[in-house]
Amino acid sequence: MPSKRTLLIALGASAALTLGGQPVAHADPAQPLPMPISGLQAPGLPAMESLGPAIQQAAGDPTNAASMLMAAAAAFAGNSATSSDSQHMAAAVNQFVADPQVAHIPAAGAVPGTEAHLPQGVDPANAVGPAPEAAPLAAVPAPEAAPAPAPDAAPAPEAAPVPAPDAVPVAAAVPGPDGAPAPAPAPAFGPDTPTTQDFMYPSIGNGCLKDGGNVLATAISVAGPASIPKPGPAAGQTAYVFTAMGTPGPAAEQKLPLNVTWVNLTTGKSGTATLKPQADINPEGPTTLTVIADTGSGSIMSTIFGQVTTTEKQCQFMPTIGSTVVP
């Protein structure tokens, strides 16, 4: 017995020494859980989650693209149980597909293939770029000259000199007729600034911030020919720009793709392209991805979906949809 007890004690001590000599693994601090996307943050998300995949399906069957998109939109446009945001987006898709008099025809004066433009019915004030007919800044009216004095009247004091109209700063607000300041003039965009066409609804990324918070992302399209984003879309091309607001700069390697799928309702052409970061566009943030696609001229329906890799997080973004008229 003593020998057995001695053996057991020795084995126990040996095991304790062996285990005690192993390094102890320390767990990394737990990452914050992503915040859920609420209906208040994205009331139009149900329509986006349905219409985005519908555009992908239409791109796979361009012959029936119009009828497929109209059917998908009808499920929301006439459903009183859905949010107003979803209904409005569905109605916009339906109008773009079904109304060639408004959506498919370039604005008056646009020369196909030579200049970017907005489709008819779109207010230039809601787009980035110069308005077609920007109103010039109103000059401050000079006060009327006093009538000439009678010969026996005392000479009137000389009027203070009135500054020339170009002495008024461009950014200064000109008083309105009721004394209230008039709206400031539009920003002075350059003559080559392209007209962009915003996507219908922002995308939202779940848990994209370092603390687990969600972020919104904007998407725009630029119909060629245009100079940005570099090297600029040529005639018959469409550039897409996707910006994740509030994020740091993009990672050098995008682990999973952010794609745009498009279908040309005029020609039946379709395709998919992957958006990527550019060194000259927001390298320090917010993360911005771009791509130029050979969509051809016509009425284009597009959806952007997928993931974005920032220097801090890997983000999944909900689909967003947009319409573009390419001259």
C-alpha atoms as a PDB file:
ATOM      1  CA  MET A   1       0.000   0.000   0.000  1.00  0.00           C
ATOM      2  CA  PRO A   2       2.666   2.564   0.882  1.00  0.00           C
ATOM      3  CA  SER A   3       4.336   1.932  -2.419  1.00  0.00           C
ATOM      4  CA  LYS A   4       1.047   2.406  -4.321  1.00  0.00           C
ATOM      5  CA  ARG A   5       0.237   5.582  -2.413  1.00  0.00           C
ATOM      6  CA  THR A   6       3.713   6.915  -3.106  1.00  0.00           C
ATOM      7  CA  LEU A   7       3.325   6.106  -6.820  1.00  0.00           C
ATOM      8  CA  LEU A   8      -0.041   7.920  -7.056  1.00  0.00           C
ATOM      9  CA  ILE A   9       1.314  10.977  -5.296  1.00  0.00           C
ATOM     10  CA  ALA A  10       4.292  11.063  -7.636  1.00  0.00           C
ATOM     11  CA  LEU A  11       2.097  10.745 -10.712  1.00  0.00           C
ATOM     12  CA  GLY A  12      -0.182  13.537  -9.473  1.00  0.00           C
ATOM     13  CA  ALA A  13       2.735  15.854  -8.848  1.00  0.00           C
ATOM     14  CA  SER A  14       4.182  15.088 -12.263  1.00  0.00           C
ATOM     15  CA  ALA A  15       0.875  15.854 -13.980  1.00  0.00           C
ATOM     16  CA  ALA A  16       0.546  19.105 -12.046  1.00  0.00           C
ATOM     17  CA  LEU A  17       4.028  20.141 -13.107  1.00  0.00           C
ATOM     18  CA  THR A  18       3.300  19.228 -16.709  1.00  0.00           C
ATOM     19  CA  LEU A  19       0.038  21.189 -16.817  1.00  0.00           C
ATOM     20  CA  GLY A  20       1.487  24.079 -14.872  1.00  0.00           C
ATOM     21  CA  GLY A  21       4.250  24.480 -17.434  1.00  0.00           C
ATOM     22  CA  GLN A  22       1.786  24.989 -20.361  1.00  0.00           C
ATOM     23  CA  PRO A  23       1.053  28.576 -21.461  1.00  0.00           C
ATOM     24  CA  VAL A  24      -2.385  29.888 -20.544  1.00  0.00           C
ATOM     25  CA  ALA A  25      -4.497  31.172 -23.474  1.00  0.00           C
ATOM     26  CA  HIS A  26      -6.171  34.526 -22.940  1.00  0.00           C
ATOM     27  CA  ALA A  27      -9.357  35.171 -24.949  1.00  0.00           C
ATOM     28  CA  ASP A  28      -9.561  38.327 -27.030  1.00  0.00           C
ATOM     29  CA  PRO A  29     -12.097  40.871 -25.808  1.00  0.00           C
ATOM     30  CA  ALA A  30     -15.530  40.139 -27.193  1.00  0.00           C
ATOM     31  CA  GLN A  31     -16.522  42.187 -30.231  1.00  0.00           C
ATOM     32  CA  PRO A  32     -19.621  44.369 -29.809  1.00  0.00           C
ATOM     33  CA  LEU A  33     -22.728  42.719 -31.185  1.00  0.00           C
ATOM     34  CA  PRO A  34     -24.137  44.390 -34.318  1.00  0.00           C
ATOM     35  CA  MET A  35     -27.108  46.611 -33.693  1.00  0.00           C
ATOM     36  CA  PRO A  36     -30.307  45.320 -35.312  1.00  0.00           C
ATOM     37  CA  ILE A  37     -31.731  47.349 -38.187  1.00  0.00           C
ATOM     38  CA  SER A  38     -34.999  48.858 -37.040  1.00  0.00           C
ATOM     39  CA  GLY A  39     -37.945  49.989 -39.111  1.00  0.00           C
ATOM     40  CA  LEU A  40     -37.235  53.552 -38.011  1.00  0.00           C
ATOM     41  CA  GLN A  41     -33.733  53.419 -39.493  1.00  0.00           C
ATOM     42  CA  ALA A  42     -34.839  51.928 -42.810  1.00  0.00           C
ATOM     43  CA  PRO A  43     -38.603  52.040 -43.351  1.00  0.00           C
ATOM     44  CA  GLY A  44     -38.128  51.208 -47.029  1.00  0.00           C
ATOM     45  CA  LEU A  45     -35.962  48.151 -46.399  1.00  0.00           C
ATOM     46  CA  PRO A  46     -38.717  45.583 -47.185  1.00  0.00           C
ATOM     47  CA  ALA A  47     -39.058  46.994 -50.694  1.00  0.00           C
ATOM     48  CA  MET A  48     -35.285  47.073 -51.150  1.00  0.00           C
ATOM     49  CA  GLU A  49     -34.954  43.438 -50.077  1.00  0.00           C
ATOM     50  CA  SER A  50     -37.548  42.455 -52.670  1.00  0.00           C
ATOM     51  CA  LEU A  51     -36.837  44.800 -55.577  1.00  0.00           C
ATOM     52  CA  GLY A  52     -33.047  44.312 -55.432  1.00  0.00           C
ATOM     53  CA  PRO A  53     -33.234  40.556 -56.098  1.00  0.00           C
ATOM     54  CA  ALA A  54     -35.935  41.220 -58.712  1.00  0.00           C
ATOM     55  CA  ILE A  55     -33.443  43.347 -60.670  1.00  0.00           C
ATOM     56  CA  GLN A  56     -30.905  40.526 -60.457  1.00  0.00           C
ATOM     57  CA  GLN A  57     -33.496  38.112 -61.832  1.00  0.00           C
ATOM     58  CA  ALA A  58     -34.428  40.572 -64.570  1.00  0.00           C
ATOM     59  CA  ALA A  59     -30.761  40.854 -65.550  1.00  0.00           C
ATOM     60  CA  GLY A  60     -30.745  37.092 -66.054  1.00  0.00           C
ATOM     61  CA  ASP A  61     -33.832  37.300 -68.271  1.00  0.00           C
ATOM     62  CA  PRO A  62     -33.674  40.708 -69.997  1.00  0.00           C
ATOM     63  CA  THR A  63     -36.460  39.810 -72.438  1.00  0.00           C
ATOM     64  CA  ASN A  64     -38.976  39.729 -69.584  1.00  0.00           C
ATOM     65  CA  ALA A  65     -37.221  42.333 -67.424  1.00  0.00           C
ATOM     66  CA  ALA A  66     -39.958  44.962 -67.652  1.00  0.00           C
ATOM     67  CA  SER A  67     -42.790  42.615 -66.699  1.00  0.00           C
ATOM     68  CA  MET A  68     -40.765  41.059 -63.859  1.00  0.00           C
ATOM     69  CA  LEU A  69     -39.941  44.447 -62.343  1.00  0.00           C
ATOM     70  CA  MET A  70     -43.504  45.695 -62.663  1.00  0.00           C
ATOM     71  CA  ALA A  71     -44.803  42.564 -60.954  1.00  0.00           C
ATOM     72  CA  ALA A  72     -42.335  42.977 -58.085  1.00  0.00           C
ATOM     73  CA  ALA A  73     -43.256  46.645 -57.700  1.00  0.00           C
ATOM     74  CA  ALA A  74     -46.987  45.927 -57.776  1.00  0.00           C
ATOM     75  CA  ALA A  75     -46.663  43.814 -54.620  1.00  0.00           C
ATOM     76  CA  PHE A  76     -45.741  46.968 -52.693  1.00  0.00           C
ATOM     77  CA  ALA A  77     -47.377  49.807 -54.613  1.00  0.00           C
ATOM     78  CA  GLY A  78     -50.895  48.588 -53.875  1.00  0.00           C
ATOM     79  CA  ASN A  79     -50.310  47.160 -50.402  1.00  0.00           C
ATOM     80  CA  SER A  80     -51.598  49.496 -47.703  1.00  0.00           C
ATOM     81  CA  ALA A  81     -49.894  47.404 -45.016  1.00  0.00           C
ATOM     82  CA  THR A  82     -46.405  48.389 -46.221  1.00  0.00           C
ATOM     83  CA  SER A  83     -44.629  51.599 -45.240  1.00  0.00           C
ATOM     84  CA  SER A  84     -45.022  54.720 -47.338  1.00  0.00           C
ATOM     85  CA  ASP A  85     -41.305  54.580 -48.194  1.00  0.00           C
ATOM     86  CA  SER A  86     -41.719  51.111 -49.693  1.00  0.00           C
ATOM     87  CA  GLN A  87     -44.814  52.184 -51.591  1.00  0.00           C
ATOM     88  CA  HIS A  88     -43.073  55.259 -53.004  1.00  0.00           C
ATOM     89  CA  MET A  89     -40.076  53.252 -54.178  1.00  0.00           C
ATOM     90  CA  ALA A  90     -42.284  50.636 -55.794  1.00  0.00           C
ATOM     91  CA  ALA A  91     -44.243  53.382 -57.563  1.00  0.00           C
ATOM     92  CA  ALA A  92     -40.975  54.974 -58.782  1.00  0.00           C
ATOM     93  CA  VAL A  93     -39.775  51.647 -60.201  1.00  0.00           C
ATOM     94  CA  ASN A  94     -43.134  51.051 -61.850  1.00  0.00           C
ATOM     95  CA  GLN A  95     -43.115  54.511 -63.442  1.00  0.00           C
ATOM     96  CA  PHE A  96     -39.551  54.181 -64.694  1.00  0.00           C
ATOM     97  CA  VAL A  97     -40.333  50.841 -66.322  1.00  0.00           C
ATOM     98  CA  ALA A  98     -43.796  51.624 -67.662  1.00  0.00           C
ATOM     99  CA  ASP A  99     -43.790  55.288 -68.713  1.00  0.00           C
ATOM    100  CA  PRO A 100     -41.516  55.824 -71.709  1.00  0.00           C
ATOM    101  CA  GLN A 101     -42.757  59.391 -72.193  1.00  0.00           C
ATOM    102  CA  VAL A 102     -41.138  60.470 -68.921  1.00  0.00           C
ATOM    103  CA  ALA A 103     -38.484  58.005 -67.884  1.00  0.00           C
ATOM    104  CA  HIS A 104     -36.998  56.596 -71.080  1.00  0.00           C
ATOM    105  CA  ILE A 105     -36.637  59.755 -73.146  1.00  0.00           C
ATOM    106  CA  PRO A 106     -33.694  62.106 -72.485  1.00  0.00           C
ATOM    107  CA  ALA A 107     -34.468  65.670 -71.547  1.00  0.00           C
ATOM    108  CA  ALA A 108     -35.077  68.192 -74.317  1.00  0.00           C
ATOM    109  CA  GLY A 109     -31.837  69.500 -75.781  1.00  0.00           C
ATOM    110  CA  ALA A 110     -29.685  66.528 -74.707  1.00  0.00           C
ATOM    111  CA  VAL A 111     -27.625  65.155 -77.591  1.00  0.00           C
ATOM    112  CA  PRO A 112     -27.360  61.341 -77.242  1.00  0.00           C
ATOM    113  CA  GLY A 113     -23.832  60.157 -76.642  1.00  0.00           C
ATOM    114  CA  THR A 114     -22.334  63.613 -76.272  1.00  0.00           C
ATOM    115  CA  GLU A 115     -23.511  65.125 -73.000  1.00  0.00           C
ATOM    116  CA  ALA A 116     -24.725  63.988 -69.598  1.00  0.00           C
ATOM    117  CA  HIS A 117     -28.231  64.963 -68.614  1.00  0.00           C
ATOM    118  CA  LEU A 118     -31.125  64.366 -66.267  1.00  0.00           C
ATOM    119  CA  PRO A 119     -34.281  62.590 -67.423  1.00  0.00           C
ATOM    120  CA  GLN A 120     -37.401  64.668 -67.871  1.00  0.00           C
ATOM    121  CA  GLY A 121     -39.241  65.606 -64.710  1.00  0.00           C
ATOM    122  CA  VAL A 122     -36.161  65.593 -62.441  1.00  0.00           C
ATOM    123  CA  ASP A 123     -35.481  68.862 -60.649  1.00  0.00           C
ATOM    124  CA  PRO A 124     -31.814  69.819 -61.189  1.00  0.00           C
ATOM    125  CA  ALA A 125     -31.784  71.334 -57.684  1.00  0.00           C
ATOM    126  CA  ASN A 126     -31.969  67.777 -56.337  1.00  0.00           C
ATOM    127  CA  ALA A 127     -28.952  66.568 -58.295  1.00  0.00           C
ATOM    128  CA  VAL A 128     -25.232  67.177 -57.971  1.00  0.00           C
ATOM    129  CA  GLY A 129     -24.049  69.344 -60.814  1.00  0.00           C
ATOM    130  CA  PRO A 130     -24.853  72.603 -62.570  1.00  0.00           C
ATOM    131  CA  ALA A 131     -28.483  73.421 -63.227  1.00  0.00           C
ATOM    132  CA  PRO A 132     -29.270  73.705 -66.952  1.00  0.00           C
ATOM    133  CA  GLU A 133     -30.384  77.308 -66.534  1.00  0.00           C
ATOM    134  CA  ALA A 134     -28.944  78.678 -63.315  1.00  0.00           C
ATOM    135  CA  ALA A 135     -30.474  82.028 -62.470  1.00  0.00           C
ATOM    136  CA  PRO A 136     -27.801  84.743 -62.199  1.00  0.00           C
ATOM    137  CA  LEU A 137     -27.324  86.444 -58.867  1.00  0.00           C
ATOM    138  CA  ALA A 138     -29.627  89.428 -58.679  1.00  0.00           C
ATOM    139  CA  ALA A 139     -27.780  92.734 -58.462  1.00  0.00           C
ATOM    140  CA  VAL A 140     -28.605  95.150 -55.676  1.00  0.00           C
ATOM    141  CA  PRO A 141     -30.730  97.909 -57.242  1.00  0.00           C
ATOM    142  CA  ALA A 142     -29.215 101.362 -56.986  1.00  0.00           C
ATOM    143  CA  PRO A 143     -31.412 104.045 -55.376  1.00  0.00           C
ATOM    144  CA  GLU A 144     -33.074 106.450 -57.772  1.00  0.00           C
ATOM    145  CA  ALA A 145     -31.326 109.789 -58.244  1.00  0.00           C
ATOM    146  CA  ALA A 146     -32.895 112.731 -56.418  1.00  0.00           C
ATOM    147  CA  PRO A 147     -34.707 115.255 -58.648  1.00  0.00           C
ATOM    148  CA  ALA A 148     -32.705 118.308 -59.679  1.00  0.00           C
ATOM    149  CA  PRO A 149     -33.089 121.191 -57.143  1.00  0.00           C
ATOM    150  CA  ALA A 150     -34.955 124.363 -58.048  1.00  0.00           C
ATOM    151  CA  PRO A 151     -32.697 127.382 -58.821  1.00  0.00           C
ATOM    152  CA  ASP A 152     -33.467 129.122 -55.531  1.00  0.00           C
ATOM    153  CA  ALA A 153     -33.399 125.950 -53.413  1.00  0.00           C
ATOM    154  CA  ALA A 154     -30.489 124.981 -51.256  1.00  0.00           C
ATOM    155  CA  PRO A 155     -28.210 122.374 -52.921  1.00  0.00           C
ATOM    156  CA  ALA A 156     -29.054 118.824 -51.921  1.00  0.00           C
ATOM    157  CA  PRO A 157     -26.314 116.828 -50.216  1.00  0.00           C
ATOM    158  CA  GLU A 158     -24.417 114.492 -52.477  1.00  0.00           C
ATOM    159  CA  ALA A 159     -25.647 110.892 -52.449  1.00  0.00           C
ATOM    160  CA  ALA A 160     -23.288 108.253 -51.115  1.00  0.00           C
ATOM    161  CA  PRO A 161     -21.583 106.302 -53.902  1.00  0.00           C
ATOM    162  CA  VAL A 162     -23.353 103.031 -54.733  1.00  0.00           C
ATOM    163  CA  PRO A 163     -21.073 100.010 -55.083  1.00  0.00           C
ATOM    164  CA  ALA A 164     -21.039  98.345 -58.464  1.00  0.00           C
ATOM    165  CA  PRO A 165     -23.000  95.081 -58.736  1.00  0.00           C
ATOM    166  CA  ASP A 166     -19.820  93.011 -58.929  1.00  0.00           C
ATOM    167  CA  ALA A 167     -18.721  94.381 -55.562  1.00  0.00           C
ATOM    168  CA  VAL A 168     -21.367  92.229 -53.857  1.00  0.00           C
ATOM    169  CA  PRO A 169     -19.774  88.990 -52.608  1.00  0.00           C
ATOM    170  CA  VAL A 170     -21.087  85.948 -54.443  1.00  0.00           C
ATOM    171  CA  ALA A 171     -22.078  84.184 -51.229  1.00  0.00           C
ATOM    172  CA  ALA A 172     -23.862  87.184 -49.780  1.00  0.00           C
ATOM    173  CA  ALA A 173     -27.616  86.883 -49.447  1.00  0.00           C
ATOM    174  CA  VAL A 174     -29.585  89.581 -51.237  1.00  0.00           C
ATOM    175  CA  PRO A 175     -32.498  90.886 -49.154  1.00  0.00           C
ATOM    176  CA  GLY A 176     -35.909  89.862 -50.436  1.00  0.00           C
ATOM    177  CA  PRO A 177     -38.815  92.222 -50.931  1.00  0.00           C
ATOM    178  CA  ASP A 178     -40.075  91.678 -47.380  1.00  0.00           C
ATOM    179  CA  GLY A 179     -36.687  92.235 -45.802  1.00  0.00           C
ATOM    180  CA  ALA A 180     -35.971  88.521 -45.252  1.00  0.00           C
ATOM    181  CA  PRO A 181     -32.681  87.247 -46.707  1.00  0.00           C
ATOM    182  CA  ALA A 182     -33.054  85.491 -50.030  1.00  0.00           C
ATOM    183  CA  PRO A 183     -31.710  81.926 -50.435  1.00  0.00           C
ATOM    184  CA  ALA A 184     -27.985  81.670 -51.016  1.00  0.00           C
ATOM    185  CA  PRO A 185     -26.948  80.973 -54.616  1.00  0.00           C
ATOM    186  CA  ALA A 186     -26.153  77.448 -55.739  1.00  0.00           C
ATOM    187  CA  PRO A 187     -22.531  76.269 -55.414  1.00  0.00           C
ATOM    188  CA  ALA A 188     -20.334  77.296 -58.313  1.00  0.00           C
ATOM    189  CA  PHE A 189     -19.744  73.925 -59.992  1.00  0.00           C
ATOM    190  CA  GLY A 190     -17.330  73.845 -62.897  1.00  0.00           C
ATOM    191  CA  PRO A 191     -18.604  73.683 -66.477  1.00  0.00           C
ATOM    192  CA  ASP A 192     -17.469  70.059 -66.777  1.00  0.00           C
ATOM    193  CA  THR A 193     -19.181  68.871 -63.594  1.00  0.00           C
ATOM    194  CA  PRO A 194     -21.267  65.813 -64.538  1.00  0.00           C
ATOM    195  CA  THR A 195     -24.889  65.462 -63.593  1.00  0.00           C
ATOM    196  CA  THR A 196     -25.407  62.538 -61.250  1.00  0.00           C
ATOM    197  CA  GLN A 197     -28.527  60.473 -60.658  1.00  0.00           C
ATOM    198  CA  ASP A 198     -29.101  59.366 -57.071  1.00  0.00           C
ATOM    199  CA  PHE A 199     -30.228  55.879 -56.166  1.00  0.00           C
ATOM    200  CA  MET A 200     -33.786  55.703 -54.845  1.00  0.00           C
ATOM    201  CA  TYR A 201     -32.935  54.808 -51.256  1.00  0.00           C
ATOM    202  CA  PRO A 202     -29.797  54.623 -49.103  1.00  0.00           C
ATOM    203  CA  SER A 203     -28.330  51.267 -48.207  1.00  0.00           C
ATOM    204  CA  ILE A 204     -27.658  50.349 -44.578  1.00  0.00           C
ATOM    205  CA  GLY A 205     -24.795  48.308 -43.160  1.00  0.00           C
ATOM    206  CA  ASN A 206     -25.354  46.201 -40.065  1.00  0.00           C
ATOM    207  CA  GLY A 207     -22.649  46.543 -37.370  1.00  0.00           C
ATOM    208  CA  CYS A 208     -20.278  48.422 -39.649  1.00  0.00           C
ATOM    209  CA  LEU A 209     -18.831  50.738 -37.007  1.00  0.00           C
ATOM    210  CA  LYS A 210     -16.171  49.756 -34.504  1.00  0.00           C
ATOM    211  CA  ASP A 211     -18.692  49.919 -31.650  1.00  0.00           C
ATOM    212  CA  GLY A 212     -21.197  47.728 -33.511  1.00  0.00           C
ATOM    213  CA  GLY A 213     -23.293  50.621 -34.829  1.00  0.00           C
ATOM    214  CA  ASN A 214     -25.028  50.686 -38.196  1.00  0.00           C
ATOM    215  CA  VAL A 215     -24.193  53.068 -41.034  1.00  0.00           C
ATOM    216  CA  LEU A 216     -26.028  54.426 -44.038  1.00  0.00           C
ATOM    217  CA  ALA A 217     -24.507  54.380 -47.503  1.00  0.00           C
ATOM    218  CA  THR A 218     -25.357  56.533 -50.493  1.00  0.00           C
ATOM    219  CA  ALA A 219     -25.140  55.389 -54.101  1.00  0.00           C
ATOM    220  CA  ILE A 220     -25.131  57.483 -57.263  1.00  0.00           C
ATOM    221  CA  SER A 221     -24.756  56.819 -60.958  1.00  0.00           C
ATOM    222  CA  VAL A 222     -23.033  59.041 -63.499  1.00  0.00           C
ATOM    223  CA  ALA A 223     -24.049  58.714 -67.149  1.00  0.00           C
ATOM    224  CA  GLY A 224     -21.232  59.126 -69.612  1.00  0.00           C
ATOM    225  CA  PRO A 225     -19.576  60.993 -71.065  1.00  0.00           C
ATOM    226  CA  ALA A 226     -18.252  62.495 -67.829  1.00  0.00           C
ATOM    227  CA  SER A 227     -14.915  63.214 -66.189  1.00  0.00           C
ATOM    228  CA  ILE A 228     -15.562  61.617 -62.774  1.00  0.00           C
ATOM    229  CA  PRO A 229     -15.019  59.223 -61.218  1.00  0.00           C
ATOM    230  CA  LYS A 230     -11.692  58.868 -62.977  1.00  0.00           C
ATOM    231  CA  PRO A 231     -10.974  57.897 -65.658  1.00  0.00           C
ATOM    232  CA  GLY A 232     -14.594  58.896 -66.290  1.00  0.00           C
ATOM    233  CA  PRO A 233     -17.370  56.998 -68.065  1.00  0.00           C
ATOM    234  CA  ALA A 234     -17.346  57.286 -71.842  1.00  0.00           C
ATOM    235  CA  ALA A 235     -20.430  57.619 -74.014  1.00  0.00           C
ATOM    236  CA  GLY A 236     -22.661  54.603 -73.432  1.00  0.00           C
ATOM    237  CA  GLN A 237     -21.127  53.849 -70.029  1.00  0.00           C
ATOM    238  CA  THR A 238     -22.417  54.300 -66.478  1.00  0.00           C
ATOM    239  CA  ALA A 239     -20.246  54.948 -63.422  1.00  0.00           C
ATOM    240  CA  TYR A 240     -21.408  53.844 -59.971  1.00  0.00           C
ATOM    241  CA  VAL A 241     -20.194  55.387 -56.698  1.00  0.00           C
ATOM    242  CA  PHE A 242     -21.043  53.833 -53.300  1.00  0.00           C
ATOM    243  CA  THR A 243     -20.085  55.670 -50.076  1.00  0.00           C
ATOM    244  CA  ALA A 244     -20.447  54.191 -46.573  1.00  0.00           C
ATOM    245  CA  MET A 245     -21.021  57.267 -44.430  1.00  0.00           C
ATOM    246  CA  GLY A 246     -19.118  57.621 -41.158  1.00  0.00           C
ATOM    247  CA  THR A 247     -16.659  54.811 -41.831  1.00  0.00           C
ATOM    248  CA  PRO A 248     -12.855  54.968 -41.934  1.00  0.00           C
ATOM    249  CA  GLY A 249     -10.980  54.405 -45.175  1.00  0.00           C
ATOM    250  CA  PRO A 250     -11.232  51.207 -47.208  1.00  0.00           C
ATOM    251  CA  ALA A 251      -8.999  48.227 -46.619  1.00  0.00           C
ATOM    252  CA  ALA A 252      -6.426  47.605 -49.330  1.00  0.00           C
ATOM    253  CA  GLU A 253      -8.017  44.208 -49.976  1.00  0.00           C
ATOM    254  CA  GLN A 254     -11.779  43.834 -50.202  1.00  0.00           C
ATOM    255  CA  LYS A 255     -12.379  40.374 -48.743  1.00  0.00           C
ATOM    256  CA  LEU A 256     -15.858  39.951 -50.214  1.00  0.00           C
ATOM    257  CA  PRO A 257     -17.275  41.849 -53.202  1.00  0.00           C
ATOM    258  CA  LEU A 258     -19.724  44.716 -53.464  1.00  0.00           C
ATOM    259  CA  ASN A 259     -21.473  44.206 -56.803  1.00  0.00           C
ATOM    260  CA  VAL A 260     -23.789  46.146 -59.069  1.00  0.00           C
ATOM    261  CA  THR A 261     -26.169  44.232 -61.328  1.00  0.00           C
ATOM    262  CA  TRP A 262     -27.875  46.242 -64.059  1.00  0.00           C
ATOM    263  CA  VAL A 263     -30.318  45.695 -66.887  1.00  0.00           C
ATOM    264  CA  ASN A 264     -30.842  48.024 -69.848  1.00  0.00           C
ATOM    265  CA  LEU A 265     -34.603  48.122 -70.389  1.00  0.00           C
ATOM    266  CA  THR A 266     -34.156  49.778 -73.778  1.00  0.00           C
ATOM    267  CA  THR A 267     -31.732  47.323 -75.380  1.00  0.00           C
ATOM    268  CA  GLY A 268     -32.095  44.174 -73.259  1.00  0.00           C
ATOM    269  CA  LYS A 269     -28.409  44.206 -72.358  1.00  0.00           C
ATOM    270  CA  SER A 270     -27.438  43.315 -68.768  1.00  0.00           C
ATOM    271  CA  GLY A 271     -24.387  42.654 -66.644  1.00  0.00           C
ATOM    272  CA  THR A 272     -22.674  42.652 -63.261  1.00  0.00           C
ATOM    273  CA  ALA A 273     -19.574  44.528 -62.097  1.00  0.00           C
ATOM    274  CA  THR A 274     -17.626  44.739 -58.826  1.00  0.00           C
ATOM    275  CA  LEU A 275     -17.055  48.089 -57.129  1.00  0.00           C
ATOM    276  CA  LYS A 276     -13.554  48.737 -55.766  1.00  0.00           C
ATOM    277  CA  PRO A 277     -11.753  51.530 -53.888  1.00  0.00           C
ATOM    278  CA  GLN A 278      -9.731  54.156 -55.738  1.00  0.00           C
ATOM    279  CA  ALA A 279      -6.609  55.690 -54.264  1.00  0.00           C
ATOM    280  CA  ASP A 280      -7.749  59.232 -55.128  1.00  0.00           C
ATOM    281  CA  ILE A 281     -11.262  58.978 -53.614  1.00  0.00           C
ATOM    282  CA  ASN A 282     -11.553  59.299 -49.814  1.00  0.00           C
ATOM    283  CA  PRO A 283      -8.508  57.187 -48.876  1.00  0.00           C
ATOM    284  CA  GLU A 284      -8.927  58.206 -45.207  1.00  0.00           C
ATOM    285  CA  GLY A 285     -12.683  57.691 -45.222  1.00  0.00           C
ATOM    286  CA  PRO A 286     -15.536  57.417 -45.633  1.00  0.00           C
ATOM    287  CA  THR A 287     -15.001  54.205 -47.556  1.00  0.00           C
ATOM    288  CA  THR A 288     -15.993  54.790 -51.188  1.00  0.00           C
ATOM    289  CA  LEU A 289     -16.089  52.146 -53.927  1.00  0.00           C
ATOM    290  CA  THR A 290     -16.583  52.776 -57.649  1.00  0.00           C
ATOM    291  CA  VAL A 291     -16.882  51.007 -60.983  1.00  0.00           C
ATOM    292  CA  ILE A 292     -17.606  51.946 -64.599  1.00  0.00           C
ATOM    293  CA  ALA A 293     -19.905  49.572 -66.501  1.00  0.00           C
ATOM    294  CA  ASP A 294     -20.591  49.212 -70.235  1.00  0.00           C
ATOM    295  CA  THR A 295     -24.359  49.561 -69.900  1.00  0.00           C
ATOM    296  CA  GLY A 296     -24.943  51.128 -73.304  1.00  0.00           C
ATOM    297  CA  SER A 297     -27.371  53.973 -73.887  1.00  0.00           C
ATOM    298  CA  GLY A 298     -30.923  53.606 -72.634  1.00  0.00           C
ATOM    299  CA  SER A 299     -32.918  53.285 -69.421  1.00  0.00           C
ATOM    300  CA  ILE A 300     -30.945  51.353 -66.821  1.00  0.00           C
ATOM    301  CA  MET A 301     -32.246  49.718 -63.633  1.00  0.00           C
ATOM    302  CA  SER A 302     -29.481  48.784 -61.179  1.00  0.00           C
ATOM    303  CA  THR A 303     -29.056  47.232 -57.757  1.00  0.00           C
ATOM    304  CA  ILE A 304     -25.946  47.427 -55.558  1.00  0.00           C
ATOM    305  CA  PHE A 305     -25.466  44.758 -52.878  1.00  0.00           C
ATOM    306  CA  GLY A 306     -22.751  42.844 -51.029  1.00  0.00           C
ATOM    307  CA  GLN A 307     -19.999  43.604 -48.540  1.00  0.00           C
ATOM    308  CA  VAL A 308     -17.440  46.326 -47.853  1.00  0.00           C
ATOM    309  CA  THR A 309     -14.133  45.926 -46.015  1.00  0.00           C
ATOM    310  CA  THR A 310     -13.003  49.006 -44.083  1.00  0.00           C
ATOM    311  CA  THR A 311      -9.805  49.283 -42.051  1.00  0.00           C
ATOM    312  CA  GLU A 312     -11.879  48.380 -38.979  1.00  0.00           C
ATOM    313  CA  LYS A 313     -14.720  46.076 -39.976  1.00  0.00           C
ATOM    314  CA  GLN A 314     -16.238  43.740 -42.534  1.00  0.00           C
ATOM    315  CA  CYS A 315     -19.688  45.129 -43.393  1.00  0.00           C
ATOM    316  CA  GLN A 316     -22.728  43.574 -45.009  1.00  0.00           C
ATOM    317  CA  PHE A 317     -24.903  46.106 -46.859  1.00  0.00           C
ATOM    318  CA  MET A 318     -28.555  45.729 -47.728  1.00  0.00           C
ATOM    319  CA  PRO A 319     -29.409  46.134 -51.427  1.00  0.00           C
ATOM    320  CA  THR A 320     -30.305  49.503 -52.892  1.00  0.00           C
ATOM    321  CA  ILE A 321     -31.757  50.236 -56.315  1.00  0.00           C
ATOM    322  CA  GLY A 322     -31.421  53.077 -58.780  1.00  0.00           C
ATOM    323  CA  SER A 323     -32.526  54.184 -62.241  1.00  0.00           C
ATOM    324  CA  THR A 324     -30.281  55.882 -64.774  1.00  0.00           C
ATOM    325  CA  VAL A 325     -30.931  57.405 -68.187  1.00  0.00           C
ATOM    326  CA  VAL A 326     -27.813  57.132 -70.365  1.00  0.00           C
ATOM    327  CA  PRO A 327     -27.869  59.268 -73.539  1.00  0.00           C
END
